[in-house]
N, C-alpha and C. Protein backbone atom coordinates (compact mmCIF):
# COMPACT_ATOMS: atom_id res chain seq x y z
N MET A 1 -60.84 241.39 9.53
CA MET A 1 -59.90 240.45 8.95
C MET A 1 -60.68 239.24 8.45
N PRO A 2 -60.50 238.80 7.19
CA PRO A 2 -61.26 237.68 6.66
C PRO A 2 -60.88 236.37 7.33
N PHE A 3 -61.84 235.48 7.38
CA PHE A 3 -61.64 234.15 7.95
C PHE A 3 -60.73 233.34 7.04
N THR A 4 -59.74 232.67 7.61
CA THR A 4 -58.88 231.77 6.86
C THR A 4 -59.08 230.38 7.43
N PRO A 5 -59.73 229.50 6.65
CA PRO A 5 -60.00 228.18 7.18
C PRO A 5 -58.74 227.36 7.32
N ASN A 6 -58.72 226.49 8.30
CA ASN A 6 -57.63 225.54 8.48
C ASN A 6 -58.08 224.23 7.85
N PRO A 7 -57.55 223.87 6.65
CA PRO A 7 -58.02 222.68 5.96
C PRO A 7 -57.91 221.41 6.80
N ALA A 8 -57.01 221.37 7.77
CA ALA A 8 -56.86 220.18 8.60
C ALA A 8 -58.09 219.94 9.47
N HIS A 9 -58.89 220.97 9.74
CA HIS A 9 -60.06 220.82 10.59
C HIS A 9 -61.36 220.71 9.82
N LEU A 10 -61.32 220.92 8.52
CA LEU A 10 -62.52 220.83 7.70
C LEU A 10 -62.74 219.39 7.27
N ASP A 11 -63.99 218.95 7.30
CA ASP A 11 -64.30 217.62 6.80
C ASP A 11 -64.55 217.67 5.30
N ALA A 12 -64.97 218.81 4.80
CA ALA A 12 -65.18 218.98 3.36
C ALA A 12 -65.32 220.47 3.06
N VAL A 13 -64.98 220.85 1.84
CA VAL A 13 -65.27 222.18 1.31
C VAL A 13 -65.93 221.94 -0.04
N ILE A 14 -67.16 222.45 -0.18
CA ILE A 14 -67.89 222.24 -1.41
C ILE A 14 -68.19 223.57 -2.09
N ALA A 15 -68.37 223.49 -3.40
CA ALA A 15 -68.76 224.66 -4.19
C ALA A 15 -70.27 224.64 -4.35
N LEU A 16 -70.89 225.76 -4.05
CA LEU A 16 -72.33 225.93 -4.21
C LEU A 16 -72.57 227.15 -5.09
N PRO A 17 -73.77 227.35 -5.58
CA PRO A 17 -74.00 228.49 -6.48
C PRO A 17 -73.64 229.84 -5.87
N PHE A 18 -73.69 229.95 -4.55
CA PHE A 18 -73.38 231.21 -3.88
C PHE A 18 -71.96 231.29 -3.38
N GLY A 19 -71.19 230.21 -3.43
CA GLY A 19 -69.81 230.25 -2.97
C GLY A 19 -69.38 228.94 -2.33
N ARG A 20 -68.31 229.01 -1.57
CA ARG A 20 -67.74 227.83 -0.92
C ARG A 20 -68.31 227.67 0.48
N MET A 21 -68.48 226.41 0.87
CA MET A 21 -68.98 226.12 2.20
C MET A 21 -68.15 225.02 2.82
N GLY A 22 -67.75 225.25 4.08
CA GLY A 22 -67.03 224.24 4.84
C GLY A 22 -68.00 223.41 5.64
N LEU A 23 -67.77 222.10 5.64
CA LEU A 23 -68.61 221.17 6.39
C LEU A 23 -67.80 220.57 7.52
N PHE A 24 -68.38 220.56 8.70
CA PHE A 24 -67.76 219.98 9.88
C PHE A 24 -68.74 218.95 10.42
N CYS A 25 -68.38 217.68 10.39
CA CYS A 25 -69.30 216.60 10.77
C CYS A 25 -68.58 215.53 11.57
N THR A 26 -69.35 214.85 12.43
CA THR A 26 -68.91 213.58 12.98
C THR A 26 -69.59 212.52 12.12
N ASP A 27 -69.50 211.27 12.52
CA ASP A 27 -70.21 210.23 11.78
C ASP A 27 -71.73 210.37 11.94
N GLU A 28 -72.16 210.98 13.06
CA GLU A 28 -73.60 211.06 13.35
C GLU A 28 -74.19 212.46 13.28
N TRP A 29 -73.37 213.51 13.41
CA TRP A 29 -73.91 214.86 13.58
C TRP A 29 -73.23 215.86 12.67
N VAL A 30 -74.01 216.84 12.21
CA VAL A 30 -73.45 218.02 11.56
C VAL A 30 -73.09 218.97 12.70
N LEU A 31 -71.81 219.29 12.80
CA LEU A 31 -71.33 220.17 13.88
C LEU A 31 -71.42 221.63 13.49
N ARG A 32 -71.13 221.93 12.23
CA ARG A 32 -71.10 223.32 11.78
C ARG A 32 -71.03 223.36 10.26
N LEU A 33 -71.64 224.37 9.70
CA LEU A 33 -71.52 224.71 8.28
C LEU A 33 -70.99 226.13 8.25
N GLU A 34 -70.03 226.40 7.39
CA GLU A 34 -69.39 227.71 7.42
C GLU A 34 -69.17 228.24 6.01
N TYR A 35 -69.62 229.48 5.80
CA TYR A 35 -69.35 230.17 4.54
C TYR A 35 -67.86 230.50 4.48
N LEU A 36 -67.23 230.19 3.36
CA LEU A 36 -65.79 230.38 3.22
C LEU A 36 -65.47 231.32 2.07
N PRO A 37 -64.27 231.90 2.08
CA PRO A 37 -63.86 232.77 0.97
C PRO A 37 -63.92 232.00 -0.36
N PRO A 38 -64.20 232.72 -1.45
CA PRO A 38 -64.40 232.06 -2.75
C PRO A 38 -63.18 231.30 -3.28
N ASP A 39 -62.00 231.61 -2.80
CA ASP A 39 -60.80 230.93 -3.30
C ASP A 39 -60.35 229.77 -2.41
N THR A 40 -61.20 229.37 -1.44
CA THR A 40 -60.87 228.25 -0.57
C THR A 40 -60.81 226.97 -1.41
N PRO A 41 -59.73 226.19 -1.29
CA PRO A 41 -59.62 224.94 -2.06
C PRO A 41 -60.72 223.94 -1.68
N LEU A 42 -61.21 223.25 -2.67
CA LEU A 42 -62.24 222.24 -2.44
C LEU A 42 -61.65 221.02 -1.76
N ILE A 43 -62.44 220.40 -0.89
CA ILE A 43 -62.09 219.14 -0.24
C ILE A 43 -63.32 218.25 -0.37
N ALA A 44 -63.18 217.14 -1.07
CA ALA A 44 -64.32 216.25 -1.30
C ALA A 44 -64.82 215.63 0.00
N PRO A 45 -66.13 215.54 0.16
CA PRO A 45 -66.68 214.85 1.33
C PRO A 45 -66.32 213.37 1.27
N THR A 46 -65.90 212.82 2.39
CA THR A 46 -65.48 211.41 2.40
C THR A 46 -66.37 210.53 3.27
N THR A 47 -67.12 211.11 4.18
CA THR A 47 -67.97 210.29 5.04
C THR A 47 -69.40 210.30 4.50
N PRO A 48 -70.18 209.30 4.84
CA PRO A 48 -71.57 209.28 4.38
C PRO A 48 -72.35 210.52 4.79
N LEU A 49 -72.18 210.99 6.04
CA LEU A 49 -72.93 212.17 6.47
C LEU A 49 -72.48 213.40 5.70
N CYS A 50 -71.18 213.60 5.52
CA CYS A 50 -70.72 214.77 4.77
C CYS A 50 -71.23 214.74 3.33
N ARG A 51 -71.28 213.56 2.73
CA ARG A 51 -71.82 213.45 1.37
C ARG A 51 -73.30 213.81 1.36
N ALA A 52 -74.04 213.36 2.39
CA ALA A 52 -75.47 213.69 2.47
C ALA A 52 -75.67 215.20 2.66
N VAL A 53 -74.84 215.82 3.50
CA VAL A 53 -74.93 217.27 3.71
C VAL A 53 -74.67 217.99 2.39
N ALA A 54 -73.61 217.60 1.69
CA ALA A 54 -73.28 218.22 0.40
C ALA A 54 -74.43 218.06 -0.59
N MET A 55 -75.01 216.87 -0.66
CA MET A 55 -76.12 216.62 -1.57
C MET A 55 -77.32 217.52 -1.24
N GLN A 56 -77.64 217.63 0.05
CA GLN A 56 -78.78 218.45 0.43
C GLN A 56 -78.52 219.94 0.19
N LEU A 57 -77.31 220.41 0.46
CA LEU A 57 -76.99 221.82 0.19
C LEU A 57 -77.06 222.11 -1.31
N ARG A 58 -76.59 221.18 -2.13
CA ARG A 58 -76.68 221.36 -3.59
C ARG A 58 -78.14 221.35 -4.04
N ALA A 59 -78.95 220.49 -3.43
CA ALA A 59 -80.37 220.45 -3.77
C ALA A 59 -81.02 221.80 -3.45
N TYR A 60 -80.69 222.38 -2.30
CA TYR A 60 -81.20 223.70 -1.93
C TYR A 60 -80.70 224.75 -2.92
N GLY A 61 -79.45 224.64 -3.36
CA GLY A 61 -78.91 225.60 -4.33
C GLY A 61 -79.67 225.57 -5.64
N GLY A 62 -80.27 224.45 -5.97
CA GLY A 62 -81.07 224.35 -7.18
C GLY A 62 -82.53 224.66 -6.96
N ASP A 63 -83.02 224.41 -5.75
CA ASP A 63 -84.43 224.60 -5.43
C ASP A 63 -84.55 225.13 -4.00
N PRO A 64 -84.84 226.43 -3.85
CA PRO A 64 -84.89 227.00 -2.49
C PRO A 64 -86.02 226.45 -1.63
N ALA A 65 -86.95 225.72 -2.23
CA ALA A 65 -88.02 225.11 -1.44
C ALA A 65 -87.59 223.75 -0.88
N TYR A 66 -86.37 223.32 -1.19
CA TYR A 66 -85.88 222.04 -0.69
C TYR A 66 -85.92 222.05 0.84
N ARG A 67 -86.37 220.96 1.43
CA ARG A 67 -86.47 220.86 2.89
C ARG A 67 -85.33 219.99 3.40
N PHE A 68 -84.49 220.57 4.22
CA PHE A 68 -83.34 219.87 4.79
C PHE A 68 -83.80 218.83 5.80
N ASP A 69 -83.07 217.73 5.83
CA ASP A 69 -83.29 216.69 6.82
C ASP A 69 -81.91 216.21 7.27
N LEU A 70 -81.32 216.97 8.19
CA LEU A 70 -79.96 216.71 8.63
C LEU A 70 -79.91 216.61 10.15
N PRO A 71 -79.05 215.74 10.68
CA PRO A 71 -78.90 215.65 12.14
C PRO A 71 -77.96 216.75 12.64
N LEU A 72 -78.55 217.84 13.11
CA LEU A 72 -77.76 218.97 13.59
C LEU A 72 -77.40 218.75 15.06
N ALA A 73 -76.13 218.90 15.38
CA ALA A 73 -75.67 218.74 16.76
C ALA A 73 -76.26 219.84 17.63
N ALA A 74 -76.46 219.54 18.88
CA ALA A 74 -76.92 220.55 19.83
C ALA A 74 -75.86 221.64 19.92
N ALA A 75 -76.29 222.88 19.88
CA ALA A 75 -75.35 223.99 19.89
C ALA A 75 -76.04 225.22 20.47
N GLY A 76 -75.24 226.17 20.91
CA GLY A 76 -75.72 227.48 21.30
C GLY A 76 -76.31 227.57 22.70
N THR A 77 -76.51 228.81 23.10
CA THR A 77 -77.14 229.11 24.38
C THR A 77 -78.65 228.94 24.23
N ALA A 78 -79.35 228.98 25.34
CA ALA A 78 -80.82 228.89 25.30
C ALA A 78 -81.39 230.02 24.45
N PHE A 79 -80.88 231.24 24.59
CA PHE A 79 -81.38 232.36 23.79
C PHE A 79 -81.07 232.15 22.31
N GLN A 80 -79.86 231.74 21.99
CA GLN A 80 -79.52 231.50 20.58
C GLN A 80 -80.45 230.45 19.99
N ARG A 81 -80.73 229.39 20.70
CA ARG A 81 -81.63 228.35 20.19
C ARG A 81 -83.04 228.90 19.97
N ARG A 82 -83.49 229.82 20.82
CA ARG A 82 -84.81 230.46 20.60
C ARG A 82 -84.79 231.28 19.31
N VAL A 83 -83.72 232.02 19.09
CA VAL A 83 -83.61 232.80 17.85
C VAL A 83 -83.58 231.86 16.65
N TRP A 84 -82.78 230.80 16.72
CA TRP A 84 -82.67 229.87 15.59
C TRP A 84 -83.99 229.17 15.31
N ALA A 85 -84.76 228.88 16.36
CA ALA A 85 -86.09 228.28 16.16
C ALA A 85 -87.00 229.27 15.44
N LEU A 86 -86.92 230.55 15.81
CA LEU A 86 -87.71 231.58 15.13
C LEU A 86 -87.31 231.68 13.66
N LEU A 87 -86.02 231.62 13.37
CA LEU A 87 -85.57 231.69 11.98
C LEU A 87 -86.21 230.60 11.13
N GLN A 88 -86.34 229.42 11.71
CA GLN A 88 -86.90 228.29 10.96
C GLN A 88 -88.41 228.43 10.75
N GLN A 89 -89.03 229.36 11.44
CA GLN A 89 -90.46 229.62 11.25
C GLN A 89 -90.73 230.66 10.16
N ILE A 90 -89.70 231.38 9.73
CA ILE A 90 -89.88 232.39 8.68
C ILE A 90 -90.00 231.66 7.35
N PRO A 91 -91.11 231.83 6.65
CA PRO A 91 -91.28 231.11 5.39
C PRO A 91 -90.23 231.50 4.35
N GLN A 92 -89.88 230.51 3.55
CA GLN A 92 -88.93 230.73 2.45
C GLN A 92 -89.47 231.86 1.57
N GLY A 93 -88.60 232.78 1.19
CA GLY A 93 -89.00 233.91 0.36
C GLY A 93 -89.47 235.12 1.14
N GLN A 94 -89.51 235.02 2.48
CA GLN A 94 -89.92 236.14 3.32
C GLN A 94 -88.78 236.53 4.26
N THR A 95 -88.87 237.72 4.81
CA THR A 95 -87.88 238.19 5.77
C THR A 95 -88.58 238.80 6.97
N ARG A 96 -87.81 238.97 8.03
CA ARG A 96 -88.21 239.72 9.22
C ARG A 96 -87.05 240.64 9.56
N THR A 97 -87.34 241.71 10.25
CA THR A 97 -86.24 242.58 10.69
C THR A 97 -85.72 242.10 12.04
N TYR A 98 -84.51 242.53 12.35
CA TYR A 98 -83.94 242.23 13.66
C TYR A 98 -84.88 242.74 14.75
N GLY A 99 -85.43 243.93 14.54
CA GLY A 99 -86.35 244.52 15.52
C GLY A 99 -87.62 243.71 15.69
N ASP A 100 -88.22 243.24 14.58
CA ASP A 100 -89.43 242.41 14.66
C ASP A 100 -89.14 241.13 15.44
N ALA A 101 -88.01 240.50 15.13
CA ALA A 101 -87.64 239.27 15.83
C ALA A 101 -87.42 239.56 17.32
N ALA A 102 -86.78 240.68 17.61
CA ALA A 102 -86.53 241.04 19.01
C ALA A 102 -87.84 241.24 19.77
N LEU A 103 -88.81 241.92 19.15
CA LEU A 103 -90.11 242.10 19.80
C LEU A 103 -90.76 240.76 20.08
N GLN A 104 -90.72 239.87 19.12
CA GLN A 104 -91.34 238.56 19.28
C GLN A 104 -90.67 237.75 20.39
N LEU A 105 -89.35 237.94 20.54
CA LEU A 105 -88.59 237.19 21.54
C LEU A 105 -88.41 237.94 22.86
N HIS A 106 -89.00 239.16 22.95
CA HIS A 106 -88.85 239.99 24.15
C HIS A 106 -87.37 240.23 24.45
N SER A 107 -86.67 240.69 23.43
CA SER A 107 -85.23 240.88 23.53
C SER A 107 -84.86 242.18 22.83
N ALA A 108 -83.60 242.29 22.44
CA ALA A 108 -83.09 243.46 21.74
C ALA A 108 -82.60 243.06 20.36
N ALA A 109 -82.72 243.98 19.42
CA ALA A 109 -82.32 243.71 18.04
C ALA A 109 -80.85 243.28 17.95
N ARG A 110 -79.99 243.94 18.71
CA ARG A 110 -78.56 243.59 18.69
C ARG A 110 -78.34 242.15 19.16
N ALA A 111 -79.08 241.72 20.17
CA ALA A 111 -78.94 240.34 20.67
C ALA A 111 -79.39 239.35 19.60
N VAL A 112 -80.45 239.68 18.88
CA VAL A 112 -80.91 238.82 17.78
C VAL A 112 -79.84 238.74 16.71
N GLY A 113 -79.25 239.88 16.37
CA GLY A 113 -78.18 239.91 15.36
C GLY A 113 -76.99 239.06 15.78
N GLN A 114 -76.62 239.15 17.04
CA GLN A 114 -75.49 238.34 17.53
C GLN A 114 -75.82 236.86 17.48
N ALA A 115 -77.05 236.49 17.81
CA ALA A 115 -77.45 235.08 17.73
C ALA A 115 -77.46 234.60 16.29
N CYS A 116 -77.92 235.45 15.38
CA CYS A 116 -77.90 235.09 13.95
C CYS A 116 -76.45 234.88 13.49
N ALA A 117 -75.56 235.76 13.89
CA ALA A 117 -74.16 235.64 13.49
C ALA A 117 -73.50 234.39 14.05
N ALA A 118 -73.98 233.91 15.19
CA ALA A 118 -73.41 232.72 15.82
C ALA A 118 -74.03 231.42 15.30
N ASN A 119 -74.99 231.51 14.40
CA ASN A 119 -75.68 230.34 13.86
C ASN A 119 -74.69 229.40 13.18
N PRO A 120 -74.52 228.18 13.68
CA PRO A 120 -73.55 227.27 13.08
C PRO A 120 -74.12 226.46 11.91
N PHE A 121 -75.39 226.67 11.56
CA PHE A 121 -76.03 225.79 10.58
C PHE A 121 -76.65 226.53 9.39
N ALA A 122 -76.16 227.71 9.08
CA ALA A 122 -76.67 228.43 7.91
C ALA A 122 -76.21 227.71 6.64
N PRO A 123 -77.01 227.63 5.63
CA PRO A 123 -78.36 228.14 5.44
C PRO A 123 -79.48 227.20 5.88
N VAL A 124 -79.14 226.05 6.48
CA VAL A 124 -80.16 225.12 6.97
C VAL A 124 -81.06 225.83 7.98
N VAL A 125 -80.46 226.56 8.89
CA VAL A 125 -81.17 227.46 9.79
C VAL A 125 -80.99 228.84 9.16
N PRO A 126 -82.04 229.37 8.52
CA PRO A 126 -81.91 230.49 7.58
C PRO A 126 -81.76 231.87 8.20
N CYS A 127 -80.60 232.17 8.75
CA CYS A 127 -80.37 233.49 9.35
C CYS A 127 -80.37 234.60 8.31
N HIS A 128 -80.21 234.24 7.04
CA HIS A 128 -80.25 235.27 5.98
C HIS A 128 -81.64 235.91 5.88
N ARG A 129 -82.65 235.32 6.46
CA ARG A 129 -84.01 235.87 6.38
C ARG A 129 -84.26 236.98 7.39
N ILE A 130 -83.27 237.31 8.22
CA ILE A 130 -83.37 238.44 9.13
C ILE A 130 -82.57 239.60 8.53
N VAL A 131 -83.22 240.74 8.37
CA VAL A 131 -82.59 241.90 7.75
C VAL A 131 -82.76 243.12 8.65
N ALA A 132 -82.00 244.15 8.33
CA ALA A 132 -82.10 245.41 9.08
C ALA A 132 -83.36 246.16 8.65
N GLN A 133 -83.79 247.07 9.49
CA GLN A 133 -84.97 247.89 9.18
C GLN A 133 -84.78 248.66 7.87
N GLY A 134 -83.58 249.18 7.65
CA GLY A 134 -83.35 250.01 6.48
C GLY A 134 -82.52 249.35 5.39
N GLY A 135 -82.39 248.04 5.40
CA GLY A 135 -81.58 247.40 4.36
C GLY A 135 -81.22 245.97 4.73
N LEU A 136 -80.12 245.53 4.17
CA LEU A 136 -79.71 244.14 4.30
C LEU A 136 -79.26 243.76 5.70
N GLY A 137 -78.55 244.65 6.38
CA GLY A 137 -77.98 244.31 7.68
C GLY A 137 -76.70 243.55 7.51
N GLY A 138 -76.23 242.93 8.58
CA GLY A 138 -74.99 242.16 8.53
C GLY A 138 -75.25 240.71 8.19
N PHE A 139 -74.17 239.95 8.18
CA PHE A 139 -74.29 238.52 7.88
C PHE A 139 -73.01 237.82 8.31
N ALA A 140 -73.15 236.81 9.14
CA ALA A 140 -72.02 235.97 9.57
C ALA A 140 -70.86 236.83 10.10
N HIS A 141 -71.18 237.78 10.94
CA HIS A 141 -70.21 238.70 11.56
C HIS A 141 -69.63 239.71 10.57
N SER A 142 -70.22 239.89 9.41
CA SER A 142 -69.69 240.84 8.44
C SER A 142 -70.73 241.91 8.12
N THR A 143 -70.24 243.14 8.00
CA THR A 143 -71.08 244.23 7.52
C THR A 143 -70.45 244.90 6.31
N ALA A 144 -69.36 244.32 5.78
CA ALA A 144 -68.69 244.88 4.61
C ALA A 144 -69.60 244.74 3.40
N GLN A 145 -70.14 245.86 2.92
CA GLN A 145 -71.13 245.83 1.85
C GLN A 145 -70.63 245.19 0.56
N ASP A 146 -69.32 245.21 0.34
CA ASP A 146 -68.78 244.61 -0.89
C ASP A 146 -68.11 243.27 -0.62
N GLY A 147 -68.27 242.71 0.58
CA GLY A 147 -67.63 241.46 0.93
C GLY A 147 -68.40 240.25 0.42
N TYR A 148 -67.72 239.13 0.37
CA TYR A 148 -68.35 237.91 -0.14
C TYR A 148 -69.49 237.44 0.75
N LEU A 149 -69.43 237.70 2.07
CA LEU A 149 -70.49 237.21 2.96
C LEU A 149 -71.83 237.90 2.68
N LEU A 150 -71.83 239.22 2.53
CA LEU A 150 -73.10 239.89 2.21
C LEU A 150 -73.53 239.55 0.79
N GLY A 151 -72.59 239.25 -0.08
CA GLY A 151 -72.94 238.76 -1.42
C GLY A 151 -73.70 237.44 -1.32
N ILE A 152 -73.30 236.58 -0.41
CA ILE A 152 -74.01 235.31 -0.19
C ILE A 152 -75.42 235.59 0.33
N LYS A 153 -75.55 236.51 1.30
CA LYS A 153 -76.88 236.83 1.83
C LYS A 153 -77.78 237.36 0.73
N ARG A 154 -77.25 238.24 -0.12
CA ARG A 154 -78.04 238.76 -1.24
C ARG A 154 -78.49 237.62 -2.16
N TRP A 155 -77.56 236.72 -2.48
CA TRP A 155 -77.88 235.61 -3.37
C TRP A 155 -78.98 234.74 -2.76
N LEU A 156 -78.84 234.39 -1.48
CA LEU A 156 -79.82 233.52 -0.83
C LEU A 156 -81.21 234.16 -0.82
N LEU A 157 -81.28 235.44 -0.50
CA LEU A 157 -82.57 236.12 -0.48
C LEU A 157 -83.18 236.20 -1.88
N GLN A 158 -82.37 236.50 -2.88
CA GLN A 158 -82.88 236.57 -4.25
C GLN A 158 -83.30 235.19 -4.74
N HIS A 159 -82.52 234.18 -4.42
CA HIS A 159 -82.82 232.80 -4.79
C HIS A 159 -84.20 232.40 -4.26
N GLU A 160 -84.44 232.68 -2.99
CA GLU A 160 -85.71 232.32 -2.39
C GLU A 160 -86.86 233.18 -2.90
N ALA A 161 -86.62 234.47 -3.11
CA ALA A 161 -87.66 235.36 -3.59
C ALA A 161 -88.05 235.02 -5.03
N SER A 162 -87.08 234.70 -5.87
CA SER A 162 -87.39 234.38 -7.26
C SER A 162 -88.18 233.09 -7.35
N SER A 163 -87.93 232.17 -6.45
CA SER A 163 -88.68 230.92 -6.42
C SER A 163 -90.13 231.19 -6.01
N GLN A 164 -90.33 232.05 -5.02
CA GLN A 164 -91.68 232.41 -4.59
C GLN A 164 -92.44 233.07 -5.72
N SER A 165 -91.76 233.98 -6.43
CA SER A 165 -92.40 234.69 -7.54
C SER A 165 -92.78 233.72 -8.64
N ALA A 166 -91.91 232.79 -8.95
CA ALA A 166 -92.20 231.80 -10.01
C ALA A 166 -93.41 230.94 -9.63
N ARG A 167 -93.53 230.56 -8.36
CA ARG A 167 -94.66 229.75 -7.94
C ARG A 167 -95.97 230.55 -8.00
N ARG A 168 -95.91 231.84 -7.69
CA ARG A 168 -97.13 232.66 -7.75
C ARG A 168 -97.60 232.81 -9.19
N HIS A 169 -96.69 232.80 -10.16
CA HIS A 169 -97.06 233.01 -11.55
C HIS A 169 -97.28 231.71 -12.32
N ALA A 170 -97.13 230.59 -11.65
CA ALA A 170 -97.29 229.29 -12.34
C ALA A 170 -98.75 228.91 -12.45
């Protein structure tokens, strides 16, 4: 069943090249970023932090080498935080498999996938860089090959790969 956002709980909904994103912020912290269905109504950011988050996400949408500088709230279990730290070590334009990440973390591929799906800060914490051994894998709790969420994962990976290729040929 697709996610239906409750606009009363969103601080902003912005349009990005890959789709809509919901922003959840306090005055000091980014609480969560969430990929939303393409027909989700836009909600302009009204707080300084939400405007900064929107600006940085748009900058990344134009340049995948953009480096985020956002105050992310503490979140997740100890294991999830280990997975998310590993994700941030994967260079832009590269991927790792769930199995490779699991070996590095002395865990199981399924546990890595669940931690990736629970990531509240994508694409700032780039869970799209983890793929299945034989293909794309899931994304944000979705495995529907024709769904908007895997479309976002495809876009993010292509966006970063095309940037890497352009830099190699420059």
